[in-house]
Protein backbone atom coordinates (compact mmCIF):
# COMPACT_ATOMS: atom_id res chain seq x y z
CA MET A 1 110.87 -65.46 118.76
CA THR A 2 112.44 -68.89 118.84
CA ASP A 3 115.87 -68.71 120.42
CA THR A 4 118.18 -70.98 118.43
CA ARG A 5 121.39 -69.14 119.27
CA THR A 6 124.48 -71.11 120.17
CA ASP A 7 125.97 -70.10 123.51
CA PRO A 8 129.69 -69.35 123.46
CA PRO A 9 131.81 -72.04 125.16
CA ALA A 10 132.57 -71.61 128.84
CA ALA A 11 136.19 -72.56 128.26
CA ALA A 12 138.03 -72.31 124.94
CA GLY A 13 141.00 -70.67 123.33
CA GLU A 14 140.98 -66.94 122.68
CA ARG A 15 140.22 -67.07 118.96
CA GLU A 16 137.48 -69.68 119.33
CA THR A 17 135.93 -67.61 122.13
CA LEU A 18 136.01 -64.41 120.08
CA ARG A 19 134.47 -66.19 117.08
CA ALA A 20 131.75 -67.70 119.27
CA PHE A 21 130.82 -64.41 120.95
CA LEU A 22 130.75 -62.60 117.60
CA ASP A 23 128.51 -65.28 116.10
CA TYR A 24 126.29 -65.20 119.20
CA HIS A 25 125.75 -61.46 118.75
CA ARG A 26 125.14 -61.87 115.02
CA GLN A 27 122.50 -64.47 115.87
CA THR A 28 121.00 -62.13 118.47
CA LEU A 29 120.34 -59.41 115.89
CA ALA A 30 118.72 -61.98 113.59
CA LEU A 31 116.60 -63.21 116.52
CA LYS A 32 115.39 -59.69 117.32
CA CYS A 33 114.16 -59.36 113.72
CA GLU A 34 112.61 -62.83 113.47
CA GLY A 35 108.95 -63.05 112.52
CA LEU A 36 108.42 -59.37 111.78
CA THR A 37 106.93 -57.99 108.60
CA GLU A 38 108.90 -55.71 106.32
CA GLU A 39 106.80 -52.79 107.57
CA GLN A 40 107.60 -53.65 111.19
CA LEU A 41 111.31 -53.94 110.40
CA ARG A 42 111.18 -50.43 108.91
CA LEU A 43 109.56 -48.82 111.98
CA ARG A 44 111.73 -46.04 113.40
CA SER A 45 112.74 -46.09 117.05
CA THR A 46 112.12 -42.64 118.52
CA PRO A 47 112.28 -39.27 116.78
CA PRO A 48 114.59 -37.74 115.76
CA SER A 49 116.46 -41.04 115.31
CA SER A 50 116.12 -42.78 111.95
CA MET A 51 117.14 -46.11 113.50
CA SER A 52 115.04 -49.18 112.69
CA LEU A 53 115.66 -52.92 112.86
CA LEU A 54 116.06 -53.00 109.08
CA GLY A 55 118.47 -50.09 109.33
CA LEU A 56 120.50 -51.99 111.94
CA VAL A 57 120.78 -55.01 109.65
CA ARG A 58 121.92 -52.76 106.80
CA HIS A 59 124.33 -50.93 109.11
CA MET A 60 125.89 -54.17 110.34
CA ALA A 61 126.34 -55.37 106.76
CA ASP A 62 128.33 -52.21 106.10
CA VAL A 63 130.29 -52.56 109.36
CA GLU A 64 131.18 -56.20 108.60
CA ARG A 65 132.35 -55.12 105.13
CA SER A 66 134.29 -52.14 106.42
CA TRP A 67 136.32 -53.94 109.09
CA PHE A 68 136.86 -57.37 107.60
CA ARG A 69 136.97 -56.77 103.86
CA ARG A 70 138.06 -53.16 103.41
CA ARG A 71 140.47 -52.87 106.31
CA LEU A 72 141.61 -56.37 107.28
CA ALA A 73 141.75 -57.87 103.78
CA GLY A 74 142.53 -54.59 102.02
CA GLU A 75 139.74 -54.89 99.42
CA ASP A 76 138.98 -51.68 97.54
CA LEU A 77 135.24 -51.48 98.26
CA GLY A 78 132.80 -48.69 98.98
CA GLY A 79 129.87 -48.78 101.34
CA ILE A 80 126.82 -50.84 100.52
CA TYR A 81 124.14 -48.53 101.88
CA TRP A 82 126.09 -45.37 102.72
CA SER A 83 128.30 -43.05 100.77
CA ASP A 84 130.19 -39.84 101.45
CA ASP A 85 127.13 -38.00 100.15
CA ASP A 86 124.75 -40.09 102.28
CA PRO A 87 126.67 -41.15 105.41
CA ASP A 88 123.55 -42.45 107.21
CA GLY A 89 121.98 -44.10 104.18
CA GLU A 90 121.74 -47.49 105.88
CA PHE A 91 119.31 -45.97 108.39
CA ASP A 92 117.73 -43.14 106.44
CA ASN A 93 116.77 -45.02 103.27
CA VAL A 94 114.70 -47.94 104.53
CA ASP A 95 111.21 -46.77 103.54
CA THR A 96 111.31 -48.75 100.28
CA ALA A 97 114.24 -51.03 101.07
CA SER A 98 113.84 -54.77 100.72
CA ALA A 99 114.23 -56.75 103.94
CA GLU A 100 115.04 -59.87 101.94
CA GLU A 101 117.86 -58.07 100.12
CA ALA A 102 119.22 -56.54 103.34
CA PHE A 103 119.30 -59.86 105.21
CA SER A 104 120.87 -61.62 102.24
CA THR A 105 123.52 -58.90 101.91
CA TRP A 106 124.23 -58.98 105.65
CA GLN A 107 124.64 -62.77 105.62
CA GLY A 108 126.91 -62.50 102.58
CA GLU A 109 129.11 -59.96 104.36
CA ILE A 110 129.26 -62.22 107.43
CA GLU A 111 130.53 -65.05 105.21
CA HIS A 112 133.15 -62.74 103.67
CA ALA A 113 134.13 -61.61 107.18
CA ARG A 114 134.55 -65.19 108.35
CA ALA A 115 136.77 -65.94 105.36
CA ALA A 116 138.90 -62.83 105.93
CA GLU A 117 139.30 -63.71 109.61
CA ALA A 118 140.15 -67.35 108.86
CA ALA A 119 142.80 -66.25 106.36
CA CYS A 120 144.77 -64.57 109.14
CA ALA A 121 147.44 -66.66 110.81
CA ASP A 122 146.76 -65.27 114.26
CA LEU A 123 144.98 -62.57 116.24
CA ASP A 124 148.00 -60.28 115.95
CA ALA A 125 147.52 -59.97 112.17
CA MET A 126 147.22 -56.29 111.26
CA THR A 127 144.86 -54.55 108.86
CA LYS A 128 146.17 -54.00 105.35
CA THR A 129 144.33 -50.67 105.13
CA ALA A 130 144.58 -47.98 107.79
CA ARG A 131 141.66 -46.14 109.33
CA GLN A 132 142.47 -42.51 110.14
CA GLY A 133 146.15 -43.42 109.91
CA ASP A 134 146.01 -46.39 112.28
CA HIS A 135 146.30 -50.12 111.63
CA TYR A 136 144.40 -52.53 113.86
CA SER A 137 144.96 -56.12 114.91
CA LEU A 138 142.46 -58.87 114.15
CA ARG A 139 141.99 -59.21 117.92
CA TRP A 140 140.98 -55.54 118.14
CA ILE A 141 138.59 -55.90 115.19
CA MET A 142 136.86 -58.94 116.67
CA LEU A 143 136.48 -57.26 120.07
CA HIS A 144 135.20 -54.11 118.38
CA MET A 145 132.66 -56.10 116.36
CA ILE A 146 131.41 -57.83 119.52
CA GLU A 147 130.89 -54.49 121.24
CA GLU A 148 129.32 -52.99 118.10
CA TYR A 149 126.78 -55.81 117.91
CA ALA A 150 126.18 -55.78 121.67
CA ARG A 151 125.43 -52.05 121.66
CA HIS A 152 123.09 -52.32 118.68
CA ASN A 153 121.44 -55.45 120.05
CA GLY A 154 120.41 -53.35 123.04
CA HIS A 155 118.78 -50.93 120.60
CA ALA A 156 117.19 -53.87 118.78
CA ASP A 157 115.80 -55.26 122.03
CA LEU A 158 114.05 -51.98 122.81
CA MET A 159 112.71 -51.58 119.26
CA ARG A 160 111.38 -55.15 119.21
CA GLU A 161 109.61 -54.64 122.52
CA ARG A 162 108.05 -51.44 121.17
CA ILE A 163 106.87 -53.21 118.00
CA ASP A 164 105.18 -56.27 119.48
CA GLY A 165 106.05 -56.55 123.16
CA ALA A 166 108.51 -59.41 122.64
CA THR A 167 111.38 -59.38 125.10
CA GLY A 168 114.22 -61.69 125.89
CA GLU A 169 117.95 -62.01 126.12
């Protein structure tokens, strides 16, 4: 793995810091997947979990879409890899999934997320669509996304080490 991540600034404004940490964690997931074959990306973690690195990429594409496009921007979109009938589809259905398609979709959702975030005047902007009756601020969404990536990057770190022994930050 070649670490080309950009470290967040040591001193910056709140929005710039949140953007930088979110991008850092996005880059971390990409780094954990770097150089692996499609078969390696599909390897499951530990039974009974269906989690894999490819599943994490697909999951984060759906999470980016859900928070930034569906809730923040109010776009009427369904899930990419999951549905009400298949709520864990992003993890369960990777056996024949294309890694190239998943990474492309994930990057596309990141670009949409960046645009939705940039369109907000400030961090106090509220979601247009509620989740379980609640509206959330952009600040909350960005913090949630950082913790979502951080948690799953811990999973990714363990899976990568299991696959080929590679470790790192």
